[in-house]
Amino acid sequence: MKNTANLAFTIILLACSQFSFAQGQLLIEPKMEIVDLSGMEARNLREGLQMRTAGLSSIRVGQLTIAEGTSTPSHNHAFEQMVIVLEGSIKAFSGEKEYILGPGQMFMAPAYVHHYYTALEDSLTLEVFSAGVTTPAP
């Protein structure tokens, strides 16, 4: 019986080796993760918009491929968002203002600020979302 208990304890320890204890609570040990967004299958949001996403508990990243002439819907949300142009060019809109952005440029939309953008040519953007978002929807 003692050997069976020792074996069971050893198996449990091995199975839980990715876990750690802190202040008497079982915690998952955080580990760095490598994600290849360009290698992921894209999700079609609608005609001309394809998204790949990855995230942690407090931040989410989306890679959006947007066809020339396609716009994201005008929207706002309860979380902050940054949109970085990687390839192509976009026209970003917020209120009555519009901005032309190219590779390396970005716009930052605070929570509850209406915004959208249109691709002036086939474009690739990286969207960074703060805590509170589960599925980014452009």
N, C-alpha and C. Protein backbone atom coordinates (compact mmCIF):
# COMPACT_ATOMS: atom_id res chain seq x y z
N MET A 1 0.84 -1.20 0.00
CA MET A 1 0.00 0.00 0.00
C MET A 1 0.87 1.25 0.00
N LYS A 2 1.96 1.20 0.79
CA LYS A 2 2.85 2.35 0.88
C LYS A 2 3.50 2.61 -0.47
N ASN A 3 3.90 1.55 -1.20
CA ASN A 3 4.50 1.71 -2.52
C ASN A 3 3.52 2.31 -3.52
N THR A 4 2.25 1.89 -3.45
CA THR A 4 1.21 2.43 -4.33
C THR A 4 1.00 3.91 -4.06
N ALA A 5 0.99 4.28 -2.80
CA ALA A 5 0.83 5.70 -2.43
C ALA A 5 2.02 6.51 -2.91
N ASN A 6 3.22 5.98 -2.75
CA ASN A 6 4.43 6.69 -3.22
C ASN A 6 4.42 6.84 -4.74
N LEU A 7 4.01 5.78 -5.44
CA LEU A 7 3.93 5.83 -6.90
C LEU A 7 2.90 6.86 -7.33
N ALA A 8 1.74 6.87 -6.71
CA ALA A 8 0.69 7.84 -7.04
C ALA A 8 1.17 9.26 -6.78
N PHE A 9 1.85 9.46 -5.66
CA PHE A 9 2.38 10.79 -5.32
C PHE A 9 3.41 11.23 -6.37
N THR A 10 4.28 10.33 -6.80
CA THR A 10 5.30 10.64 -7.81
C THR A 10 4.64 11.01 -9.14
N ILE A 11 3.62 10.26 -9.54
CA ILE A 11 2.91 10.55 -10.80
C ILE A 11 2.25 11.91 -10.72
N ILE A 12 1.65 12.21 -9.60
CA ILE A 12 1.00 13.52 -9.43
C ILE A 12 2.03 14.63 -9.49
N LEU A 13 3.17 14.45 -8.85
CA LEU A 13 4.22 15.47 -8.91
C LEU A 13 4.70 15.69 -10.33
N LEU A 14 4.91 14.61 -11.07
CA LEU A 14 5.35 14.74 -12.46
C LEU A 14 4.29 15.42 -13.31
N ALA A 15 3.05 15.04 -13.13
CA ALA A 15 1.96 15.64 -13.90
C ALA A 15 1.78 17.11 -13.59
N CYS A 16 2.08 17.48 -12.36
CA CYS A 16 1.90 18.87 -11.93
C CYS A 16 3.20 19.65 -11.97
N SER A 17 4.21 19.15 -12.65
CA SER A 17 5.50 19.84 -12.64
C SER A 17 5.43 21.23 -13.25
N GLN A 18 4.40 21.50 -14.06
CA GLN A 18 4.23 22.84 -14.61
C GLN A 18 3.53 23.77 -13.63
N PHE A 19 3.11 23.26 -12.50
CA PHE A 19 2.43 24.06 -11.50
C PHE A 19 3.37 24.38 -10.34
N SER A 20 3.08 25.44 -9.64
CA SER A 20 3.84 25.77 -8.44
C SER A 20 2.87 26.21 -7.35
N PHE A 21 3.36 26.20 -6.12
CA PHE A 21 2.53 26.60 -4.99
C PHE A 21 3.01 27.94 -4.46
N ALA A 22 2.08 28.82 -4.15
CA ALA A 22 2.40 30.10 -3.54
C ALA A 22 1.35 30.40 -2.49
N GLN A 23 1.77 30.66 -1.30
CA GLN A 23 0.87 30.98 -0.19
C GLN A 23 -0.24 29.93 -0.07
N GLY A 24 0.14 28.66 -0.25
CA GLY A 24 -0.81 27.58 -0.07
C GLY A 24 -1.76 27.37 -1.24
N GLN A 25 -1.59 28.12 -2.36
CA GLN A 25 -2.48 27.96 -3.51
C GLN A 25 -1.71 27.38 -4.68
N LEU A 26 -2.35 26.56 -5.47
CA LEU A 26 -1.76 25.99 -6.65
C LEU A 26 -1.84 27.01 -7.78
N LEU A 27 -0.69 27.34 -8.36
CA LEU A 27 -0.63 28.32 -9.45
C LEU A 27 -0.01 27.70 -10.68
N ILE A 28 -0.46 28.10 -11.86
CA ILE A 28 0.18 27.67 -13.09
C ILE A 28 1.43 28.53 -13.26
N GLU A 29 2.53 27.88 -13.50
CA GLU A 29 3.79 28.60 -13.70
C GLU A 29 3.77 29.24 -15.08
N PRO A 30 3.94 30.56 -15.16
CA PRO A 30 3.91 31.21 -16.47
C PRO A 30 5.12 30.81 -17.31
N LYS A 31 4.90 30.67 -18.59
CA LYS A 31 5.96 30.32 -19.52
C LYS A 31 5.86 31.21 -20.75
N MET A 32 7.01 31.59 -21.29
CA MET A 32 7.02 32.36 -22.51
C MET A 32 6.55 31.48 -23.66
N GLU A 33 5.81 32.09 -24.57
CA GLU A 33 5.26 31.35 -25.70
C GLU A 33 5.70 32.03 -26.98
N ILE A 34 5.99 31.26 -28.00
CA ILE A 34 6.34 31.79 -29.31
C ILE A 34 5.14 31.58 -30.23
N VAL A 35 4.72 32.64 -30.92
CA VAL A 35 3.57 32.56 -31.82
C VAL A 35 3.99 33.12 -33.18
N ASP A 36 3.69 32.40 -34.23
CA ASP A 36 3.96 32.85 -35.60
C ASP A 36 2.62 33.26 -36.22
N LEU A 37 2.28 34.55 -36.10
CA LEU A 37 1.00 35.01 -36.62
C LEU A 37 0.87 34.75 -38.11
N SER A 38 1.94 34.96 -38.87
CA SER A 38 1.85 34.79 -40.31
C SER A 38 1.65 33.32 -40.69
N GLY A 39 2.02 32.40 -39.80
CA GLY A 39 1.83 30.98 -40.07
C GLY A 39 0.47 30.45 -39.64
N MET A 40 -0.30 31.27 -38.94
CA MET A 40 -1.63 30.86 -38.47
C MET A 40 -2.65 30.94 -39.59
N GLU A 41 -3.67 30.12 -39.46
CA GLU A 41 -4.79 30.22 -40.40
C GLU A 41 -5.58 31.49 -40.08
N ALA A 42 -5.86 32.28 -41.10
CA ALA A 42 -6.60 33.53 -40.90
C ALA A 42 -8.09 33.24 -40.80
N ARG A 43 -8.76 34.04 -40.00
CA ARG A 43 -10.21 33.97 -39.84
C ARG A 43 -10.82 35.06 -40.72
N ASN A 44 -11.72 34.70 -41.62
CA ASN A 44 -12.39 35.68 -42.46
C ASN A 44 -13.44 36.41 -41.65
N LEU A 45 -13.25 37.70 -41.45
CA LEU A 45 -14.23 38.50 -40.71
C LEU A 45 -15.36 38.91 -41.63
N ARG A 46 -15.00 39.23 -42.85
CA ARG A 46 -15.95 39.52 -43.93
C ARG A 46 -15.12 39.73 -45.19
N GLU A 47 -15.75 39.98 -46.29
CA GLU A 47 -15.04 40.16 -47.56
C GLU A 47 -13.95 41.23 -47.42
N GLY A 48 -12.72 40.86 -47.72
CA GLY A 48 -11.60 41.81 -47.69
C GLY A 48 -10.92 41.97 -46.35
N LEU A 49 -11.40 41.29 -45.30
CA LEU A 49 -10.81 41.39 -43.96
C LEU A 49 -10.49 40.00 -43.42
N GLN A 50 -9.22 39.76 -43.15
CA GLN A 50 -8.80 38.49 -42.55
C GLN A 50 -7.97 38.79 -41.31
N MET A 51 -8.24 38.08 -40.21
CA MET A 51 -7.59 38.35 -38.93
C MET A 51 -6.95 37.09 -38.38
N ARG A 52 -5.75 37.28 -37.82
CA ARG A 52 -5.07 36.25 -37.04
C ARG A 52 -4.86 36.86 -35.65
N THR A 53 -5.15 36.13 -34.60
CA THR A 53 -5.03 36.70 -33.26
C THR A 53 -4.30 35.78 -32.30
N ALA A 54 -3.71 36.42 -31.30
CA ALA A 54 -3.07 35.71 -30.19
C ALA A 54 -3.14 36.65 -29.00
N GLY A 55 -3.07 36.09 -27.79
CA GLY A 55 -3.14 36.98 -26.64
C GLY A 55 -2.84 36.30 -25.33
N LEU A 56 -2.75 37.14 -24.34
CA LEU A 56 -2.56 36.75 -22.95
C LEU A 56 -3.79 37.20 -22.17
N SER A 57 -3.72 37.19 -20.86
CA SER A 57 -4.90 37.56 -20.07
C SER A 57 -5.19 39.06 -20.12
N SER A 58 -4.21 39.91 -20.38
CA SER A 58 -4.46 41.35 -20.32
C SER A 58 -4.14 42.09 -21.62
N ILE A 59 -3.73 41.37 -22.65
CA ILE A 59 -3.40 42.03 -23.93
C ILE A 59 -3.64 41.04 -25.06
N ARG A 60 -4.08 41.56 -26.19
CA ARG A 60 -4.35 40.73 -27.36
C ARG A 60 -3.80 41.42 -28.59
N VAL A 61 -3.29 40.64 -29.53
CA VAL A 61 -2.73 41.17 -30.76
C VAL A 61 -3.46 40.53 -31.94
N GLY A 62 -3.76 41.34 -32.93
CA GLY A 62 -4.38 40.83 -34.15
C GLY A 62 -3.62 41.33 -35.36
N GLN A 63 -3.39 40.43 -36.30
CA GLN A 63 -2.78 40.80 -37.57
C GLN A 63 -3.92 40.82 -38.59
N LEU A 64 -4.19 42.00 -39.14
CA LEU A 64 -5.33 42.16 -40.04
C LEU A 64 -4.83 42.40 -41.45
N THR A 65 -5.25 41.53 -42.37
CA THR A 65 -5.00 41.73 -43.79
C THR A 65 -6.26 42.38 -44.33
N ILE A 66 -6.08 43.54 -44.97
CA ILE A 66 -7.24 44.31 -45.44
C ILE A 66 -7.04 44.69 -46.90
N ALA A 67 -7.99 44.30 -47.73
CA ALA A 67 -7.90 44.53 -49.17
C ALA A 67 -8.15 46.00 -49.51
N GLU A 68 -7.52 46.46 -50.57
CA GLU A 68 -7.70 47.84 -51.04
C GLU A 68 -9.18 48.18 -51.14
N GLY A 69 -9.55 49.35 -50.61
CA GLY A 69 -10.93 49.82 -50.65
C GLY A 69 -11.83 49.29 -49.56
N THR A 70 -11.34 48.34 -48.77
CA THR A 70 -12.13 47.76 -47.69
C THR A 70 -12.00 48.61 -46.43
N SER A 71 -13.08 48.75 -45.70
CA SER A 71 -13.08 49.51 -44.44
C SER A 71 -13.47 48.62 -43.28
N THR A 72 -12.93 48.94 -42.13
CA THR A 72 -13.42 48.34 -40.90
C THR A 72 -14.70 49.11 -40.54
N PRO A 73 -15.63 48.52 -39.82
CA PRO A 73 -16.83 49.26 -39.44
C PRO A 73 -16.47 50.40 -38.47
N SER A 74 -17.24 51.47 -38.51
CA SER A 74 -17.08 52.53 -37.52
C SER A 74 -17.58 51.98 -36.19
N HIS A 75 -16.74 52.10 -35.17
CA HIS A 75 -17.08 51.49 -33.89
C HIS A 75 -16.31 52.13 -32.76
N ASN A 76 -16.66 51.77 -31.55
CA ASN A 76 -15.89 52.10 -30.36
C ASN A 76 -16.03 50.91 -29.42
N HIS A 77 -15.20 50.89 -28.41
CA HIS A 77 -15.23 49.77 -27.47
C HIS A 77 -14.67 50.21 -26.13
N ALA A 78 -14.85 49.38 -25.14
CA ALA A 78 -14.47 49.70 -23.76
C ALA A 78 -12.99 49.47 -23.49
N PHE A 79 -12.22 49.11 -24.49
CA PHE A 79 -10.79 48.87 -24.32
C PHE A 79 -9.99 49.77 -25.26
N GLU A 80 -8.73 49.94 -24.96
CA GLU A 80 -7.83 50.73 -25.79
C GLU A 80 -7.32 49.87 -26.94
N GLN A 81 -6.97 50.55 -28.05
CA GLN A 81 -6.49 49.84 -29.22
C GLN A 81 -5.43 50.67 -29.92
N MET A 82 -4.38 49.99 -30.37
CA MET A 82 -3.36 50.62 -31.22
C MET A 82 -3.35 49.86 -32.53
N VAL A 83 -3.26 50.59 -33.64
CA VAL A 83 -3.21 49.98 -34.97
C VAL A 83 -1.92 50.46 -35.63
N ILE A 84 -1.05 49.50 -35.95
CA ILE A 84 0.25 49.79 -36.56
C ILE A 84 0.21 49.30 -38.00
N VAL A 85 0.55 50.17 -38.94
CA VAL A 85 0.59 49.78 -40.35
C VAL A 85 1.92 49.09 -40.61
N LEU A 86 1.86 47.85 -41.07
CA LEU A 86 3.06 47.08 -41.40
C LEU A 86 3.38 47.17 -42.88
N GLU A 87 2.33 47.08 -43.70
CA GLU A 87 2.48 47.14 -45.17
C GLU A 87 1.31 47.91 -45.74
N GLY A 88 1.54 48.59 -46.86
CA GLY A 88 0.46 49.32 -47.53
C GLY A 88 0.21 50.67 -46.90
N SER A 89 -1.01 51.16 -47.07
CA SER A 89 -1.39 52.44 -46.47
C SER A 89 -2.87 52.44 -46.18
N ILE A 90 -3.24 53.18 -45.14
CA ILE A 90 -4.63 53.26 -44.71
C ILE A 90 -5.02 54.71 -44.49
N LYS A 91 -6.32 54.95 -44.49
CA LYS A 91 -6.86 56.24 -44.08
C LYS A 91 -7.67 55.96 -42.82
N ALA A 92 -7.24 56.53 -41.70
CA ALA A 92 -7.91 56.32 -40.41
C ALA A 92 -8.84 57.50 -40.15
N PHE A 93 -10.00 57.20 -39.57
CA PHE A 93 -11.02 58.21 -39.30
C PHE A 93 -11.40 58.17 -37.83
N SER A 94 -11.55 59.36 -37.24
CA SER A 94 -12.07 59.49 -35.89
C SER A 94 -12.78 60.84 -35.82
N GLY A 95 -14.08 60.81 -35.56
CA GLY A 95 -14.85 62.05 -35.58
C GLY A 95 -14.80 62.65 -36.98
N GLU A 96 -14.49 63.92 -37.06
CA GLU A 96 -14.40 64.60 -38.35
C GLU A 96 -12.99 64.58 -38.92
N LYS A 97 -12.06 63.96 -38.22
CA LYS A 97 -10.67 63.97 -38.66
C LYS A 97 -10.32 62.69 -39.40
N GLU A 98 -9.40 62.84 -40.38
CA GLU A 98 -8.89 61.67 -41.09
C GLU A 98 -7.38 61.81 -41.22
N TYR A 99 -6.72 60.64 -41.26
CA TYR A 99 -5.26 60.60 -41.26
C TYR A 99 -4.80 59.54 -42.25
N ILE A 100 -3.80 59.84 -43.05
CA ILE A 100 -3.20 58.88 -43.96
C ILE A 100 -1.97 58.30 -43.25
N LEU A 101 -1.90 56.97 -43.15
CA LEU A 101 -0.80 56.31 -42.45
C LEU A 101 -0.16 55.26 -43.35
N GLY A 102 1.17 55.16 -43.26
CA GLY A 102 1.91 54.16 -44.02
C GLY A 102 2.73 53.30 -43.08
N PRO A 103 3.56 52.44 -43.64
CA PRO A 103 4.35 51.50 -42.83
C PRO A 103 5.13 52.19 -41.71
N GLY A 104 5.03 51.62 -40.52
CA GLY A 104 5.73 52.16 -39.36
C GLY A 104 4.92 53.20 -38.60
N GLN A 105 3.81 53.66 -39.15
CA GLN A 105 2.97 54.64 -38.47
C GLN A 105 1.81 53.92 -37.80
N MET A 106 1.24 54.58 -36.79
CA MET A 106 0.15 53.95 -36.05
C MET A 106 -0.83 54.99 -35.53
N PHE A 107 -2.04 54.53 -35.24
CA PHE A 107 -2.97 55.38 -34.49
C PHE A 107 -3.34 54.65 -33.21
N MET A 108 -3.70 55.43 -32.21
CA MET A 108 -4.08 54.90 -30.90
C MET A 108 -5.49 55.39 -30.59
N ALA A 109 -6.39 54.46 -30.35
CA ALA A 109 -7.78 54.81 -30.05
C ALA A 109 -8.06 54.51 -28.57
N PRO A 110 -8.27 55.56 -27.78
CA PRO A 110 -8.64 55.33 -26.38
C PRO A 110 -10.01 54.64 -26.30
N ALA A 111 -10.34 54.12 -25.17
CA ALA A 111 -11.64 53.49 -24.95
C ALA A 111 -12.76 54.47 -25.29
N TYR A 112 -13.80 53.97 -25.93
CA TYR A 112 -15.03 54.68 -26.26
C TYR A 112 -14.88 55.75 -27.34
N VAL A 113 -13.75 55.84 -28.02
CA VAL A 113 -13.57 56.80 -29.12
C VAL A 113 -13.91 56.10 -30.44
N HIS A 114 -14.90 56.66 -31.17
CA HIS A 114 -15.28 56.09 -32.46
C HIS A 114 -14.11 56.19 -33.42
N HIS A 115 -13.92 55.11 -34.20
CA HIS A 115 -12.84 55.09 -35.18
C HIS A 115 -13.11 53.99 -36.21
N TYR A 116 -12.44 54.11 -37.33
CA TYR A 116 -12.41 53.06 -38.34
C TYR A 116 -11.32 53.41 -39.32
N TYR A 117 -11.01 52.48 -40.21
CA TYR A 117 -10.05 52.81 -41.24
C TYR A 117 -10.33 52.07 -42.53
N THR A 118 -9.81 52.64 -43.62
CA THR A 118 -9.98 52.11 -44.97
C THR A 118 -8.60 51.86 -45.57
N ALA A 119 -8.44 50.73 -46.25
CA ALA A 119 -7.17 50.43 -46.92
C ALA A 119 -7.11 51.20 -48.24
N LEU A 120 -6.06 52.00 -48.42
CA LEU A 120 -5.86 52.72 -49.67
C LEU A 120 -5.21 51.83 -50.72
N GLU A 121 -4.63 50.73 -50.25
CA GLU A 121 -4.06 49.68 -51.08
C GLU A 121 -4.08 48.42 -50.22
N ASP A 122 -3.83 47.26 -50.79
CA ASP A 122 -3.77 46.05 -49.97
C ASP A 122 -2.81 46.32 -48.82
N SER A 123 -3.25 46.07 -47.59
CA SER A 123 -2.47 46.47 -46.42
C SER A 123 -2.45 45.37 -45.36
N LEU A 124 -1.48 45.49 -44.48
CA LEU A 124 -1.34 44.60 -43.34
C LEU A 124 -1.14 45.46 -42.11
N THR A 125 -1.98 45.27 -41.10
CA THR A 125 -1.85 46.03 -39.86
C THR A 125 -1.69 45.07 -38.69
N LEU A 126 -1.10 45.59 -37.63
CA LEU A 126 -1.00 44.87 -36.37
C LEU A 126 -1.82 45.65 -35.37
N GLU A 127 -2.81 45.00 -34.76
CA GLU A 127 -3.70 45.67 -33.82
C GLU A 127 -3.42 45.13 -32.42
N VAL A 128 -3.22 46.04 -31.49
CA VAL A 128 -2.93 45.67 -30.11
C VAL A 128 -4.10 46.15 -29.26
N PHE A 129 -4.68 45.21 -28.50
CA PHE A 129 -5.86 45.49 -27.69
C PHE A 129 -5.52 45.33 -26.22
N SER A 130 -6.00 46.25 -25.40
CA SER A 130 -5.76 46.17 -23.95
C SER A 130 -6.74 45.19 -23.32
N ALA A 131 -6.61 45.02 -22.02
CA ALA A 131 -7.48 44.12 -21.26
C ALA A 131 -8.94 44.40 -21.54
N GLY A 132 -9.73 43.36 -21.52
CA GLY A 132 -11.16 43.52 -21.70
C GLY A 132 -11.65 42.97 -23.02
N VAL A 133 -10.77 42.76 -23.97
CA VAL A 133 -11.20 42.23 -25.26
C VAL A 133 -11.01 40.72 -25.29
N THR A 134 -11.98 40.03 -25.86
CA THR A 134 -11.83 38.59 -26.01
C THR A 134 -11.69 38.23 -27.48
N THR A 135 -12.47 38.85 -28.33
CA THR A 135 -12.37 38.61 -29.76
C THR A 135 -12.42 39.95 -30.47
N PRO A 136 -11.26 40.44 -30.93
CA PRO A 136 -11.27 41.74 -31.61
C PRO A 136 -12.11 41.68 -32.89
N ALA A 137 -12.94 42.64 -33.08
CA ALA A 137 -13.77 42.72 -34.27
C ALA A 137 -13.61 44.09 -34.89
N PRO A 138 -12.89 44.15 -36.00
CA PRO A 138 -12.67 45.49 -36.62
C PRO A 138 -13.93 46.04 -37.23
